PDB file of N, CA and C in Angstrom:
ATOM      1  N   MET A   1       0.829  -1.168   0.015  1.00  0.00           N
ATOM      2  CA  MET A   1       0.007  -0.005  -0.009  1.00  0.00           C
ATOM      3  C   MET A   1       0.920   1.230   0.001  1.00  0.00           C
ATOM      4  N   THR A   2       0.549   2.202  -0.854  1.00  0.00           N
ATOM      5  CA  THR A   2       1.349   3.400  -0.937  1.00  0.00           C
ATOM      6  C   THR A   2       1.065   4.327   0.268  1.00  0.00           C
ATOM      7  N   PRO A   3       1.996   5.217   0.555  1.00  0.00           N
ATOM      8  CA  PRO A   3       1.764   6.132   1.665  1.00  0.00           C
ATOM      9  C   PRO A   3       0.516   6.968   1.495  1.00  0.00           C
ATOM     10  N   GLU A   4       0.215   7.370   0.240  1.00  0.00           N
ATOM     11  CA  GLU A   4      -1.003   8.139  -0.034  1.00  0.00           C
ATOM     12  C   GLU A   4      -2.275   7.347   0.308  1.00  0.00           C
ATOM     13  N   MET A   5      -2.252   6.046  -0.052  1.00  0.00           N
ATOM     14  CA  MET A   5      -3.411   5.213   0.245  1.00  0.00           C
ATOM     15  C   MET A   5      -3.559   5.029   1.763  1.00  0.00           C
ATOM     16  N   GLU A   6      -2.462   4.833   2.435  1.00  0.00           N
ATOM     17  CA  GLU A   6      -2.485   4.706   3.892  1.00  0.00           C
ATOM     18  C   GLU A   6      -3.050   5.912   4.577  1.00  0.00           C
ATOM     19  N   LYS A   7      -2.682   7.105   4.072  1.00  0.00           N
ATOM     20  CA  LYS A   7      -3.156   8.357   4.615  1.00  0.00           C
ATOM     21  C   LYS A   7      -4.648   8.472   4.412  1.00  0.00           C
ATOM     22  N   ARG A   8      -5.152   8.088   3.245  1.00  0.00           N
ATOM     23  CA  ARG A   8      -6.601   8.138   2.965  1.00  0.00           C
ATOM     24  C   ARG A   8      -7.334   7.198   3.871  1.00  0.00           C
ATOM     25  N   MET A   9      -6.772   6.042   4.156  1.00  0.00           N
ATOM     26  CA  MET A   9      -7.437   5.032   4.969  1.00  0.00           C
ATOM     27  C   MET A   9      -7.507   5.433   6.431  1.00  0.00           C
ATOM     28  N   GLU A  10      -6.679   6.372   6.874  1.00  0.00           N
ATOM     29  CA  GLU A  10      -6.695   6.818   8.252  1.00  0.00           C
ATOM     30  C   GLU A  10      -7.993   7.483   8.623  1.00  0.00           C
ATOM     31  N   LYS A  11      -8.624   8.161   7.664  1.00  0.00           N
ATOM     32  CA  LYS A  11      -9.866   8.876   7.940  1.00  0.00           C
ATOM     33  C   LYS A  11     -11.049   7.948   7.703  1.00  0.00           C
ATOM     34  N   THR A  12     -12.060   8.143   8.543  1.00  0.00           N
ATOM     35  CA  THR A  12     -13.288   7.360   8.397  1.00  0.00           C
ATOM     36  C   THR A  12     -14.306   8.212   7.639  1.00  0.00           C
ATOM     37  N   ILE A  13     -15.445   7.567   7.280  1.00  0.00           N
ATOM     38  CA  ILE A  13     -16.511   8.312   6.636  1.00  0.00           C
ATOM     39  C   ILE A  13     -16.992   9.461   7.534  1.00  0.00           C
ATOM     40  N   GLY A  14     -17.162   9.122   8.799  1.00  0.00           N
ATOM     41  CA  GLY A  14     -17.610  10.145   9.754  1.00  0.00           C
ATOM     42  C   GLY A  14     -16.676  11.321   9.852  1.00  0.00           C
ATOM     43  N   MET A  15     -15.376  11.028   9.859  1.00  0.00           N
ATOM     44  CA  MET A  15     -14.370  12.111   9.940  1.00  0.00           C
ATOM     45  C   MET A  15     -14.451  13.003   8.687  1.00  0.00           C
ATOM     46  N   ARG A  16     -14.700  12.355   7.525  1.00  0.00           N
ATOM     47  CA  ARG A  16     -14.771  13.159   6.282  1.00  0.00           C
ATOM     48  C   ARG A  16     -16.047  13.969   6.233  1.00  0.00           C
ATOM     49  N   ILE A  17     -17.147  13.431   6.771  1.00  0.00           N
ATOM     50  CA  ILE A  17     -18.399  14.193   6.855  1.00  0.00           C
ATOM     51  C   ILE A  17     -18.183  15.428   7.715  1.00  0.00           C
ATOM     52  N   LYS A  18     -17.615  15.222   8.877  1.00  0.00           N
ATOM     53  CA  LYS A  18     -17.364  16.340   9.781  1.00  0.00           C
ATOM     54  C   LYS A  18     -16.436  17.366   9.129  1.00  0.00           C
ATOM     55  N   GLU A  19     -15.368  16.891   8.536  1.00  0.00           N
ATOM     56  CA  GLU A  19     -14.447  17.789   7.878  1.00  0.00           C
ATOM     57  C   GLU A  19     -15.157  18.666   6.819  1.00  0.00           C
ATOM     58  N   CYS A  20     -15.941  18.049   5.965  1.00  0.00           N
ATOM     59  CA  CYS A  20     -16.647  18.771   4.935  1.00  0.00           C
ATOM     60  C   CYS A  20     -17.660  19.744   5.511  1.00  0.00           C
ATOM     61  N   ARG A  21     -18.387  19.303   6.547  1.00  0.00           N
ATOM     62  CA  ARG A  21     -19.390  20.115   7.190  1.00  0.00           C
ATOM     63  C   ARG A  21     -18.766  21.366   7.799  1.00  0.00           C
ATOM     64  N   VAL A  22     -17.678  21.171   8.546  1.00  0.00           N
ATOM     65  CA  VAL A  22     -16.966  22.311   9.138  1.00  0.00           C
ATOM     66  C   VAL A  22     -16.424  23.259   8.068  1.00  0.00           C
ATOM     67  N   LYS A  23     -15.870  22.683   7.010  1.00  0.00           N
ATOM     68  CA  LYS A  23     -15.302  23.476   5.935  1.00  0.00           C
ATOM     69  C   LYS A  23     -16.386  24.372   5.306  1.00  0.00           C
ATOM     70  N   MET A  24     -17.636  23.866   5.290  1.00  0.00           N
ATOM     71  CA  MET A  24     -18.753  24.663   4.732  1.00  0.00           C
ATOM     72  C   MET A  24     -19.319  25.632   5.732  1.00  0.00           C
ATOM     73  N   GLY A  25     -18.850  25.555   6.973  1.00  0.00           N
ATOM     74  CA  GLY A  25     -19.367  26.432   8.003  1.00  0.00           C
ATOM     75  C   GLY A  25     -20.718  26.015   8.556  1.00  0.00           C
ATOM     76  N   MET A  26     -21.062  24.761   8.412  1.00  0.00           N
ATOM     77  CA  MET A  26     -22.342  24.278   8.906  1.00  0.00           C
ATOM     78  C   MET A  26     -22.200  23.625  10.272  1.00  0.00           C
ATOM     79  N   THR A  27     -23.256  23.761  11.068  1.00  0.00           N
ATOM     80  CA  THR A  27     -23.325  23.032  12.353  1.00  0.00           C
ATOM     81  C   THR A  27     -23.955  21.701  12.108  1.00  0.00           C
ATOM     82  N   GLN A  28     -23.872  20.830  13.113  1.00  0.00           N
ATOM     83  CA  GLN A  28     -24.577  19.557  13.020  1.00  0.00           C
ATOM     84  C   GLN A  28     -26.103  19.794  12.923  1.00  0.00           C
ATOM     85  N   GLU A  29     -26.580  20.782  13.662  1.00  0.00           N
ATOM     86  CA  GLU A  29     -28.016  21.093  13.576  1.00  0.00           C
ATOM     87  C   GLU A  29     -28.430  21.516  12.175  1.00  0.00           C
ATOM     88  N   GLU A  30     -27.649  22.348  11.543  1.00  0.00           N
ATOM     89  CA  GLU A  30     -27.973  22.789  10.177  1.00  0.00           C
ATOM     90  C   GLU A  30     -27.953  21.641   9.191  1.00  0.00           C
ATOM     91  N   LEU A  31     -26.971  20.770   9.289  1.00  0.00           N
ATOM     92  CA  LEU A  31     -26.909  19.624   8.424  1.00  0.00           C
ATOM     93  C   LEU A  31     -28.079  18.694   8.649  1.00  0.00           C
ATOM     94  N   ALA A  32     -28.440  18.479   9.880  1.00  0.00           N
ATOM     95  CA  ALA A  32     -29.579  17.622  10.233  1.00  0.00           C
ATOM     96  C   ALA A  32     -30.856  18.218   9.677  1.00  0.00           C
ATOM     97  N   GLU A  33     -31.007  19.522   9.763  1.00  0.00           N
ATOM     98  CA  GLU A  33     -32.227  20.184   9.283  1.00  0.00           C
ATOM     99  C   GLU A  33     -32.406  19.993   7.775  1.00  0.00           C
ATOM    100  N   VAL A  34     -31.318  20.180   7.026  1.00  0.00           N
ATOM    101  CA  VAL A  34     -31.327  20.013   5.570  1.00  0.00           C
ATOM    102  C   VAL A  34     -31.669  18.558   5.201  1.00  0.00           C
ATOM    103  N   LEU A  35     -31.163  17.627   5.963  1.00  0.00           N
ATOM    104  CA  LEU A  35     -31.366  16.226   5.673  1.00  0.00           C
ATOM    105  C   LEU A  35     -32.650  15.636   6.285  1.00  0.00           C
ATOM    106  N   PHE A  36     -33.356  16.463   7.067  1.00  0.00           N
ATOM    107  CA  PHE A  36     -34.594  16.025   7.735  1.00  0.00           C
ATOM    108  C   PHE A  36     -34.337  14.847   8.701  1.00  0.00           C
ATOM    109  N   ILE A  37     -33.244  14.915   9.434  1.00  0.00           N
ATOM    110  CA  ILE A  37     -32.927  13.885  10.432  1.00  0.00           C
ATOM    111  C   ILE A  37     -32.555  14.594  11.729  1.00  0.00           C
ATOM    112  N   PRO A  38     -32.591  13.836  12.846  1.00  0.00           N
ATOM    113  CA  PRO A  38     -32.217  14.455  14.106  1.00  0.00           C
ATOM    114  C   PRO A  38     -30.742  14.771  14.157  1.00  0.00           C
ATOM    115  N   LYS A  39     -30.354  15.808  14.922  1.00  0.00           N
ATOM    116  CA  LYS A  39     -28.988  16.153  15.131  1.00  0.00           C
ATOM    117  C   LYS A  39     -28.206  14.989  15.734  1.00  0.00           C
ATOM    118  N   SER A  40     -28.858  14.198  16.573  1.00  0.00           N
ATOM    119  CA  SER A  40     -28.155  13.065  17.203  1.00  0.00           C
ATOM    120  C   SER A  40     -27.736  12.049  16.139  1.00  0.00           C
ATOM    121  N   THR A  41     -28.482  11.955  15.042  1.00  0.00           N
ATOM    122  CA  THR A  41     -28.124  11.065  13.955  1.00  0.00           C
ATOM    123  C   THR A  41     -26.879  11.569  13.237  1.00  0.00           C
ATOM    124  N   VAL A  42     -26.833  12.841  12.971  1.00  0.00           N
ATOM    125  CA  VAL A  42     -25.643  13.469  12.356  1.00  0.00           C
ATOM    126  C   VAL A  42     -24.418  13.207  13.236  1.00  0.00           C
ATOM    127  N   SER A  43     -24.606  13.412  14.537  1.00  0.00           N
ATOM    128  CA  SER A  43     -23.513  13.134  15.489  1.00  0.00           C
ATOM    129  C   SER A  43     -23.044  11.706  15.438  1.00  0.00           C
ATOM    130  N   ALA A  44     -24.002  10.783  15.357  1.00  0.00           N
ATOM    131  CA  ALA A  44     -23.658   9.370  15.287  1.00  0.00           C
ATOM    132  C   ALA A  44     -22.953   9.025  14.008  1.00  0.00           C
ATOM    133  N   TYR A  45     -23.356   9.667  12.899  1.00  0.00           N
ATOM    134  CA  TYR A  45     -22.657   9.456  11.627  1.00  0.00           C
ATOM    135  C   TYR A  45     -21.222   9.895  11.739  1.00  0.00           C
ATOM    136  N   GLU A  46     -21.031  11.083  12.298  1.00  0.00           N
ATOM    137  CA  GLU A  46     -19.672  11.675  12.408  1.00  0.00           C
ATOM    138  C   GLU A  46     -18.780  10.864  13.347  1.00  0.00           C
ATOM    139  N   ARG A  47     -19.360  10.187  14.321  1.00  0.00           N
ATOM    140  CA  ARG A  47     -18.599   9.371  15.260  1.00  0.00           C
ATOM    141  C   ARG A  47     -18.504   7.938  14.785  1.00  0.00           C
ATOM    142  N   ASP A  48     -19.059   7.645  13.586  1.00  0.00           N
ATOM    143  CA  ASP A  48     -19.013   6.276  13.022  1.00  0.00           C
ATOM    144  C   ASP A  48     -19.669   5.252  13.929  1.00  0.00           C
ATOM    145  N   VAL A  49     -20.731   5.674  14.687  1.00  0.00           N
ATOM    146  CA  VAL A  49     -21.396   4.805  15.587  1.00  0.00           C
ATOM    147  C   VAL A  49     -22.453   3.936  14.901  1.00  0.00           C
ATOM    148  N   VAL A  50     -23.010   4.480  13.789  1.00  0.00           N
ATOM    149  CA  VAL A  50     -24.021   3.723  13.037  1.00  0.00           C
ATOM    150  C   VAL A  50     -23.590   3.540  11.614  1.00  0.00           C
ATOM    151  N   ASP A  51     -24.061   2.456  11.023  1.00  0.00           N
ATOM    152  CA  ASP A  51     -23.811   2.223   9.622  1.00  0.00           C
ATOM    153  C   ASP A  51     -24.754   3.077   8.800  1.00  0.00           C
ATOM    154  N   MET A  52     -24.245   3.582   7.662  1.00  0.00           N
ATOM    155  CA  MET A  52     -25.064   4.432   6.786  1.00  0.00           C
ATOM    156  C   MET A  52     -25.345   3.710   5.509  1.00  0.00           C
ATOM    157  N   LYS A  53     -26.543   3.875   4.993  1.00  0.00           N
ATOM    158  CA  LYS A  53     -26.886   3.327   3.686  1.00  0.00           C
ATOM    159  C   LYS A  53     -26.371   4.284   2.608  1.00  0.00           C
ATOM    160  N   MET A  54     -26.177   3.729   1.433  1.00  0.00           N
ATOM    161  CA  MET A  54     -25.610   4.518   0.340  1.00  0.00           C
ATOM    162  C   MET A  54     -26.473   5.758   0.049  1.00  0.00           C
ATOM    163  N   GLY A  55     -27.753   5.639   0.179  1.00  0.00           N
ATOM    164  CA  GLY A  55     -28.641   6.772  -0.107  1.00  0.00           C
ATOM    165  C   GLY A  55     -28.312   7.996   0.745  1.00  0.00           C
ATOM    166  N   ILE A  56     -28.170   7.777   2.037  1.00  0.00           N
ATOM    167  CA  ILE A  56     -27.853   8.891   2.963  1.00  0.00           C
ATOM    168  C   ILE A  56     -26.460   9.460   2.718  1.00  0.00           C
ATOM    169  N   ILE A  57     -25.502   8.583   2.377  1.00  0.00           N
ATOM    170  CA  ILE A  57     -24.164   9.059   2.053  1.00  0.00           C
ATOM    171  C   ILE A  57     -24.200   9.961   0.812  1.00  0.00           C
ATOM    172  N   THR A  58     -24.994   9.543  -0.189  1.00  0.00           N
ATOM    173  CA  THR A  58     -25.169  10.377  -1.386  1.00  0.00           C
ATOM    174  C   THR A  58     -25.813  11.696  -1.066  1.00  0.00           C
ATOM    175  N   GLU A  59     -26.825  11.703  -0.232  1.00  0.00           N
ATOM    176  CA  GLU A  59     -27.511  12.961   0.151  1.00  0.00           C
ATOM    177  C   GLU A  59     -26.576  13.887   0.892  1.00  0.00           C
ATOM    178  N   ILE A  60     -25.825  13.305   1.843  1.00  0.00           N
ATOM    179  CA  ILE A  60     -24.860  14.104   2.614  1.00  0.00           C
ATOM    180  C   ILE A  60     -23.804  14.703   1.670  1.00  0.00           C
ATOM    181  N   ALA A  61     -23.311  13.886   0.772  1.00  0.00           N
ATOM    182  CA  ALA A  61     -22.290  14.384  -0.210  1.00  0.00           C
ATOM    183  C   ALA A  61     -22.823  15.547  -1.008  1.00  0.00           C
ATOM    184  N   HIS A  62     -24.056  15.424  -1.458  1.00  0.00           N
ATOM    185  CA  HIS A  62     -24.665  16.522  -2.235  1.00  0.00           C
ATOM    186  C   HIS A  62     -24.763  17.788  -1.452  1.00  0.00           C
ATOM    187  N   VAL A  63     -25.256  17.669  -0.220  1.00  0.00           N
ATOM    188  CA  VAL A  63     -25.392  18.846   0.651  1.00  0.00           C
ATOM    189  C   VAL A  63     -24.053  19.508   0.959  1.00  0.00           C
ATOM    190  N   LEU A  64     -23.031  18.686   1.083  1.00  0.00           N
ATOM    191  CA  LEU A  64     -21.684  19.152   1.473  1.00  0.00           C
ATOM    192  C   LEU A  64     -20.778  19.455   0.221  1.00  0.00           C
ATOM    193  N   HIS A  65     -21.395  19.448  -0.933  1.00  0.00           N
ATOM    194  CA  HIS A  65     -20.678  19.767  -2.204  1.00  0.00           C
ATOM    195  C   HIS A  65     -19.426  18.904  -2.411  1.00  0.00           C
ATOM    196  N   THR A  66     -19.630  17.623  -2.211  1.00  0.00           N
ATOM    197  CA  THR A  66     -18.543  16.668  -2.470  1.00  0.00           C
ATOM    198  C   THR A  66     -19.146  15.438  -3.144  1.00  0.00           C
ATOM    199  N   THR A  67     -18.435  14.334  -3.201  1.00  0.00           N
ATOM    200  CA  THR A  67     -18.946  13.138  -3.793  1.00  0.00           C
ATOM    201  C   THR A  67     -19.042  12.041  -2.745  1.00  0.00           C
ATOM    202  N   SER A  68     -19.917  11.060  -3.021  1.00  0.00           N
ATOM    203  CA  SER A  68     -20.026   9.930  -2.091  1.00  0.00           C
ATOM    204  C   SER A  68     -18.693   9.186  -2.093  1.00  0.00           C
ATOM    205  N   GLY A  69     -18.028   9.118  -3.225  1.00  0.00           N
ATOM    206  CA  GLY A  69     -16.727   8.447  -3.303  1.00  0.00           C
ATOM    207  C   GLY A  69     -15.717   9.069  -2.374  1.00  0.00           C
ATOM    208  N   TYR A  70     -15.706  10.409  -2.309  1.00  0.00           N
ATOM    209  CA  TYR A  70     -14.783  11.042  -1.377  1.00  0.00           C
ATOM    210  C   TYR A  70     -15.127  10.702   0.068  1.00  0.00           C
ATOM    211  N   LEU A  71     -16.409  10.722   0.427  1.00  0.00           N
ATOM    212  CA  LEU A  71     -16.792  10.394   1.797  1.00  0.00           C
ATOM    213  C   LEU A  71     -16.421   8.952   2.174  1.00  0.00           C
ATOM    214  N   ILE A  72     -16.577   8.040   1.205  1.00  0.00           N
ATOM    215  CA  ILE A  72     -16.356   6.631   1.467  1.00  0.00           C
ATOM    216  C   ILE A  72     -14.864   6.314   1.569  1.00  0.00           C
ATOM    217  N   ASP A  73     -14.072   6.707   0.560  1.00  0.00           N
ATOM    218  CA  ASP A  73     -12.677   6.301   0.564  1.00  0.00           C
ATOM    219  C   ASP A  73     -11.662   7.457   0.457  1.00  0.00           C
ATOM    220  N   GLY A  74     -12.150   8.670   0.298  1.00  0.00           N
ATOM    221  CA  GLY A  74     -11.228   9.782   0.238  1.00  0.00           C
ATOM    222  C   GLY A  74     -10.473   9.913  -1.063  1.00  0.00           C
ATOM    223  N   GLU A  75     -10.751   9.017  -2.009  1.00  0.00           N
ATOM    224  CA  GLU A  75      -9.965   9.013  -3.225  1.00  0.00           C
ATOM    225  C   GLU A  75     -10.355  10.114  -4.168  1.00  0.00           C
ATOM    226  N   GLU A  76     -11.645  10.359  -4.315  1.00  0.00           N
ATOM    227  CA  GLU A  76     -12.083  11.403  -5.243  1.00  0.00           C
ATOM    228  C   GLU A  76     -11.863  12.769  -4.632  1.00  0.00           C
ATOM    229  N   MET A  77     -11.606  13.716  -5.467  1.00  0.00           N
ATOM    230  CA  MET A  77     -11.390  15.048  -5.000  1.00  0.00           C
ATOM    231  C   MET A  77     -12.720  15.728  -4.705  1.00  0.00           C
ATOM    232  N   GLN A  78     -12.702  16.582  -3.713  1.00  0.00           N
ATOM    233  CA  GLN A  78     -13.887  17.381  -3.427  1.00  0.00           C
ATOM    234  C   GLN A  78     -14.048  18.426  -4.480  1.00  0.00           C
ATOM    235  N   PHE A  79     -15.296  18.777  -4.740  1.00  0.00           N
ATOM    236  CA  PHE A  79     -15.551  19.870  -5.671  1.00  0.00           C
ATOM    237  C   PHE A  79     -15.599  21.157  -4.880  1.00  0.00           C
ATOM    238  N   ASP A  80     -14.845  22.148  -5.270  1.00  0.00           N
ATOM    239  CA  ASP A  80     -14.968  23.404  -4.587  1.00  0.00           C
ATOM    240  C   ASP A  80     -16.093  24.224  -5.248  1.00  0.00           C
ATOM    241  N   GLN A  81     -16.447  25.286  -4.614  1.00  0.00           N
ATOM    242  CA  GLN A  81     -17.580  26.091  -5.062  1.00  0.00           C
ATOM    243  C   GLN A  81     -17.376  26.598  -6.466  1.00  0.00           C
ATOM    244  N   ASP A  82     -16.161  27.020  -6.846  1.00  0.00           N
ATOM    245  CA  ASP A  82     -15.922  27.534  -8.180  1.00  0.00           C
ATOM    246  C   ASP A  82     -16.138  26.483  -9.256  1.00  0.00           C
ATOM    247  N   VAL A  83     -15.701  25.223  -8.980  1.00  0.00           N
ATOM    248  CA  VAL A  83     -15.919  24.163  -9.944  1.00  0.00           C
ATOM    249  C   VAL A  83     -17.393  23.883 -10.109  1.00  0.00           C
ATOM    250  N   MET A  84     -18.111  23.832  -9.001  1.00  0.00           N
ATOM    251  CA  MET A  84     -19.591  23.560  -9.038  1.00  0.00           C
ATOM    252  C   MET A  84     -20.266  24.709  -9.822  1.00  0.00           C
ATOM    253  N   GLU A  85     -19.901  25.919  -9.570  1.00  0.00           N
ATOM    254  CA  GLU A  85     -20.520  27.057 -10.239  1.00  0.00           C
ATOM    255  C   GLU A  85     -20.227  27.013 -11.735  1.00  0.00           C
ATOM    256  N   LEU A  86     -18.999  26.742 -12.101  1.00  0.00           N
ATOM    257  CA  LEU A  86     -18.616  26.658 -13.476  1.00  0.00           C
ATOM    258  C   LEU A  86     -19.385  25.559 -14.215  1.00  0.00           C
ATOM    259  N   ALA A  87     -19.511  24.405 -13.589  1.00  0.00           N
ATOM    260  CA  ALA A  87     -20.256  23.313 -14.185  1.00  0.00           C
ATOM    261  C   ALA A  87     -21.732  23.652 -14.351  1.00  0.00           C
ATOM    262  N   MET A  88     -22.308  24.329 -13.375  1.00  0.00           N
ATOM    263  CA  MET A  88     -23.707  24.704 -13.470  1.00  0.00           C
ATOM    264  C   MET A  88     -23.931  25.747 -14.589  1.00  0.00           C
ATOM    265  N   MET A  89     -23.005  26.690 -14.719  1.00  0.00           N
ATOM    266  CA  MET A  89     -23.149  27.684 -15.769  1.00  0.00           C
ATOM    267  C   MET A  89     -23.007  27.055 -17.132  1.00  0.00           C
ATOM    268  N   PHE A  90     -22.067  26.103 -17.275  1.00  0.00           N
ATOM    269  CA  PHE A  90     -21.831  25.425 -18.550  1.00  0.00           C
ATOM    270  C   PHE A  90     -23.104  24.610 -18.910  1.00  0.00           C
ATOM    271  N   GLN A  91     -23.760  23.993 -17.948  1.00  0.00           N
ATOM    272  CA  GLN A  91     -24.950  23.222 -18.215  1.00  0.00           C
ATOM    273  C   GLN A  91     -26.080  24.101 -18.756  1.00  0.00           C
ATOM    274  N   GLU A  92     -26.096  25.372 -18.361  1.00  0.00           N
ATOM    275  CA  GLU A  92     -27.121  26.265 -18.791  1.00  0.00           C
ATOM    276  C   GLU A  92     -27.002  26.662 -20.237  1.00  0.00           C
ATOM    277  N   ILE A  93     -25.813  26.483 -20.847  1.00  0.00           N
ATOM    278  CA  ILE A  93     -25.629  26.812 -22.242  1.00  0.00           C
ATOM    279  C   ILE A  93     -26.220  25.717 -23.080  1.00  0.00           C
ATOM    280  N   LYS A  94     -27.293  26.008 -23.791  1.00  0.00           N
ATOM    281  CA  LYS A  94     -27.981  25.022 -24.595  1.00  0.00           C
ATOM    282  C   LYS A  94     -27.531  24.964 -26.057  1.00  0.00           C
ATOM    283  N   ASN A  95     -27.047  26.109 -26.554  1.00  0.00           N
ATOM    284  CA  ASN A  95     -26.579  26.185 -27.931  1.00  0.00           C
ATOM    285  C   ASN A  95     -25.252  25.457 -28.093  1.00  0.00           C
ATOM    286  N   LYS A  96     -25.227  24.440 -28.990  1.00  0.00           N
ATOM    287  CA  LYS A  96     -24.036  23.642 -29.152  1.00  0.00           C
ATOM    288  C   LYS A  96     -22.802  24.443 -29.587  1.00  0.00           C
ATOM    289  N   GLU A  97     -22.969  25.402 -30.468  1.00  0.00           N
ATOM    290  CA  GLU A  97     -21.880  26.195 -30.938  1.00  0.00           C
ATOM    291  C   GLU A  97     -21.287  27.044 -29.828  1.00  0.00           C
ATOM    292  N   ILE A  98     -22.171  27.669 -29.036  1.00  0.00           N
ATOM    293  CA  ILE A  98     -21.690  28.506 -27.904  1.00  0.00           C
ATOM    294  C   ILE A  98     -20.986  27.606 -26.893  1.00  0.00           C
ATOM    295  N   ARG A  99     -21.504  26.415 -26.683  1.00  0.00           N
ATOM    296  CA  ARG A  99     -20.867  25.445 -25.735  1.00  0.00           C
ATOM    297  C   ARG A  99     -19.461  25.128 -26.203  1.00  0.00           C
ATOM    298  N   ARG A 100     -19.351  24.875 -27.543  1.00  0.00           N
ATOM    299  CA  ARG A 100     -18.039  24.504 -28.096  1.00  0.00           C
ATOM    300  C   ARG A 100     -17.062  25.676 -27.908  1.00  0.00           C
ATOM    301  N   VAL A 101     -17.491  26.921 -28.144  1.00  0.00           N
ATOM    302  CA  VAL A 101     -16.641  28.081 -27.964  1.00  0.00           C
ATOM    303  C   VAL A 101     -16.249  28.234 -26.514  1.00  0.00           C
ATOM    304  N   ALA A 102     -17.183  28.049 -25.597  1.00  0.00           N
ATOM    305  CA  ALA A 102     -16.891  28.152 -24.143  1.00  0.00           C
ATOM    306  C   ALA A 102     -15.830  27.112 -23.745  1.00  0.00           C
ATOM    307  N   LEU A 103     -15.983  25.916 -24.259  1.00  0.00           N
ATOM    308  CA  LEU A 103     -15.016  24.826 -23.952  1.00  0.00           C
ATOM    309  C   LEU A 103     -13.627  25.174 -24.498  1.00  0.00           C
ATOM    310  N   GLU A 104     -13.577  25.735 -25.738  1.00  0.00           N
ATOM    311  CA  GLU A 104     -12.306  26.118 -26.329  1.00  0.00           C
ATOM    312  C   GLU A 104     -11.657  27.228 -25.508  1.00  0.00           C
ATOM    313  N   GLN A 105     -12.461  28.185 -25.011  1.00  0.00           N
ATOM    314  CA  GLN A 105     -11.940  29.270 -24.192  1.00  0.00           C
ATOM    315  C   GLN A 105     -11.325  28.722 -22.908  1.00  0.00           C
ATOM    316  N   ALA A 106     -12.039  27.782 -22.279  1.00  0.00           N
ATOM    317  CA  ALA A 106     -11.540  27.136 -21.051  1.00  0.00           C
ATOM    318  C   ALA A 106     -10.214  26.428 -21.298  1.00  0.00           C
ATOM    319  N   LYS A 107     -10.120  25.725 -22.435  1.00  0.00           N
ATOM    320  CA  LYS A 107      -8.910  25.044 -22.782  1.00  0.00           C
ATOM    321  C   LYS A 107      -7.742  26.068 -22.964  1.00  0.00           C
ATOM    322  N   ALA A 108      -8.063  27.169 -23.628  1.00  0.00           N
ATOM    323  CA  ALA A 108      -7.055  28.197 -23.850  1.00  0.00           C
ATOM    324  C   ALA A 108      -6.569  28.787 -22.535  1.00  0.00           C
ATOM    325  N   LEU A 109      -7.471  29.037 -21.619  1.00  0.00           N
ATOM    326  CA  LEU A 109      -7.107  29.553 -20.340  1.00  0.00           C
ATOM    327  C   LEU A 109      -6.209  28.592 -19.551  1.00  0.00           C
ATOM    328  N   THR A 110      -6.532  27.288 -19.651  1.00  0.00           N
ATOM    329  CA  THR A 110      -5.749  26.257 -19.010  1.00  0.00           C
ATOM    330  C   THR A 110      -4.287  26.268 -19.508  1.00  0.00           C
ATOM    331  N   LYS A 111      -4.177  26.391 -20.850  1.00  0.00           N
ATOM    332  CA  LYS A 111      -2.845  26.429 -21.436  1.00  0.00           C
ATOM    333  C   LYS A 111      -2.099  27.698 -21.021  1.00  0.00           C
ATOM    334  N   LEU A 112      -2.797  28.787 -20.933  1.00  0.00           N
ATOM    335  CA  LEU A 112      -2.208  30.058 -20.510  1.00  0.00           C
ATOM    336  C   LEU A 112      -1.686  29.944 -19.047  1.00  0.00           C
ATOM    337  N   VAL A 113      -2.479  29.344 -18.184  1.00  0.00           N
ATOM    338  CA  VAL A 113      -2.089  29.208 -16.783  1.00  0.00           C
ATOM    339  C   VAL A 113      -0.835  28.352 -16.688  1.00  0.00           C
ATOM    340  N   LYS A 114      -0.771  27.265 -17.472  1.00  0.00           N
ATOM    341  CA  LYS A 114       0.423  26.413 -17.451  1.00  0.00           C
ATOM    342  C   LYS A 114       1.636  27.199 -17.891  1.00  0.00           C
ATOM    343  N   TYR A 115       1.482  28.036 -18.900  1.00  0.00           N
ATOM    344  CA  TYR A 115       2.562  28.846 -19.441  1.00  0.00           C
ATOM    345  C   TYR A 115       3.073  29.838 -18.424  1.00  0.00           C
ATOM    346  N   VAL A 116       2.114  30.482 -17.731  1.00  0.00           N
ATOM    347  CA  VAL A 116       2.441  31.527 -16.755  1.00  0.00           C
ATOM    348  C   VAL A 116       3.144  30.950 -15.520  1.00  0.00           C
ATOM    349  N   GLU A 117       2.689  29.785 -15.125  1.00  0.00           N
ATOM    350  CA  GLU A 117       3.265  29.169 -13.912  1.00  0.00           C
ATOM    351  C   GLU A 117       4.590  28.628 -14.249  1.00  0.00           C
TER     352      GLU A 117
END
């Protein structure tokens, strides 16, 4: 096992949920309210006291702007707000030609950033 894999394995699902919740500035009460569950259940999830079904993991991931894969094994990267916003804006573009131009512009910016760095 690589050191990176070992580091990912050190964290539990509950630890990742808490980490993401805190990073978003949410309390356990706020997360519980959005999920329509008691605060004590959120606390139990974060302490890894109860097993979670995939459905609730997916819901929590959505609320915390991450992926269920990240919560489960830490392998997938979290989506930051900018990435989520960019994806949502791109989805709103219905015209195929404008979409193509937007994608080309994004590629050009990526190349520019690599050149500048």
